[in-house]
Amino acid sequence: MKQLLNEILANCDRPQALGIATLICLAQREATTVEYQFDEMNFSDVPPELVIACDQLTDDNQLELVCWLAHNYQTENYTKPGAIA
C-alpha cells in the first residue's frame, strides 16, 4: 500500500489523487471494483494502471490509502513524493 501511495503522489496531481480516493469510496459504497467506478464515472485523467493497482488491495488497505491521501492533501502546502517512508 505504501508503494502505491508513493506512486500516486509522485505521478498524480491533487485532483487526480483525490479522484482515486473518490473512486475507492464509491467502489466500497456500491460493492463494486475501483476499475468499475473508474469506467462508470469516466475519470479519464486518472492513470488506469493506478486504478487497477487499487483493486489489488484489500478493502481495509483501500480505506487506509484514502486516509493517507486525504492526510497528505489536507493543506495546500503538501510535498511530493509522500508522507510515508
Protein backbone atom coordinates (compact mmCIF):
# COMPACT_ATOMS: atom_id res chain seq x y z
CA MET A 1 0.00 0.00 0.00
CA LYS A 2 2.85 2.39 0.82
CA GLN A 3 4.41 1.84 -2.59
CA LEU A 4 1.09 2.58 -4.31
CA LEU A 5 0.62 5.71 -2.21
CA ASN A 6 4.05 6.97 -3.21
CA GLU A 7 3.34 6.17 -6.87
CA ILE A 8 0.09 8.15 -6.71
CA LEU A 9 1.77 11.09 -5.01
CA ALA A 10 4.67 11.07 -7.46
CA ASN A 11 2.59 10.71 -10.62
CA CYS A 12 -0.72 12.43 -9.93
CA ASP A 13 -1.71 15.98 -9.25
CA ARG A 14 -4.10 16.77 -6.41
CA PRO A 15 -7.34 16.37 -8.42
CA GLN A 16 -6.18 13.03 -9.83
CA ALA A 17 -5.15 11.68 -6.42
CA LEU A 18 -8.39 12.77 -4.82
CA GLY A 19 -10.20 11.23 -7.79
CA ILE A 20 -8.61 7.89 -6.92
CA ALA A 21 -9.76 8.30 -3.32
CA THR A 22 -13.27 9.09 -4.55
CA LEU A 23 -13.32 6.02 -6.79
CA ILE A 24 -12.25 3.82 -3.88
CA CYS A 25 -15.03 5.21 -1.68
CA LEU A 26 -17.62 4.73 -4.41
CA ALA A 27 -16.44 1.17 -5.04
CA GLN A 28 -16.78 0.31 -1.37
CA ARG A 29 -20.17 2.03 -1.11
CA GLU A 30 -21.55 0.27 -4.18
CA ALA A 31 -19.76 -3.06 -3.55
CA THR A 32 -18.01 -2.90 -6.93
CA THR A 33 -14.42 -2.59 -8.04
CA VAL A 34 -12.43 0.61 -8.31
CA GLU A 35 -11.98 -0.11 -12.02
CA TYR A 36 -15.75 -0.40 -12.48
CA GLN A 37 -16.23 3.00 -10.84
CA PHE A 38 -13.42 4.42 -12.98
CA ASP A 39 -15.30 3.35 -16.10
CA GLU A 40 -18.68 4.42 -14.71
CA MET A 41 -17.56 7.87 -13.55
CA ASN A 42 -15.31 8.48 -16.57
CA PHE A 43 -12.40 9.91 -14.59
CA SER A 44 -10.27 9.86 -17.74
CA ASP A 45 -7.46 11.92 -16.20
CA VAL A 46 -6.67 9.24 -13.60
CA PRO A 47 -3.93 6.79 -14.71
CA PRO A 48 -5.64 3.42 -15.33
CA GLU A 49 -2.67 1.42 -14.04
CA LEU A 50 -3.07 3.05 -10.62
CA VAL A 51 -6.79 2.24 -10.63
CA ILE A 52 -6.02 -1.42 -11.35
CA ALA A 53 -3.42 -1.45 -8.57
CA CYS A 54 -6.04 -0.15 -6.12
CA ASP A 55 -8.23 -3.16 -6.87
CA GLN A 56 -5.39 -5.46 -5.82
CA LEU A 57 -5.54 -4.07 -2.27
CA THR A 58 -7.83 -5.42 0.41
CA ASP A 59 -10.85 -3.31 1.33
CA ASP A 60 -9.15 -2.21 4.54
CA ASN A 61 -5.96 -1.25 2.69
CA GLN A 62 -8.01 0.72 0.18
CA LEU A 63 -9.56 2.71 3.01
CA GLU A 64 -6.14 3.23 4.57
CA LEU A 65 -4.93 4.57 1.21
CA VAL A 66 -7.87 7.01 1.14
CA CYS A 67 -6.96 8.20 4.63
CA TRP A 68 -3.30 8.74 3.70
CA LEU A 69 -4.27 10.62 0.54
CA ALA A 70 -6.65 12.84 2.49
CA HIS A 71 -3.99 13.42 5.13
CA ASN A 72 -1.39 14.31 2.53
CA TYR A 73 -3.65 16.81 0.79
CA GLN A 74 -5.28 18.39 3.82
CA THR A 75 -3.24 21.53 3.29
CA GLU A 76 -2.28 23.38 0.15
CA ASN A 77 1.40 23.10 1.11
CA TYR A 78 1.82 19.36 0.54
CA THR A 79 5.09 17.94 -0.69
CA LYS A 80 5.85 15.06 -3.02
CA PRO A 81 6.56 12.15 -3.02
CA GLY A 82 4.51 11.35 0.04
CA ALA A 83 4.23 11.23 3.75
CA ILE A 84 5.14 7.60 4.38
CA ALA A 85 8.68 6.28 4.41
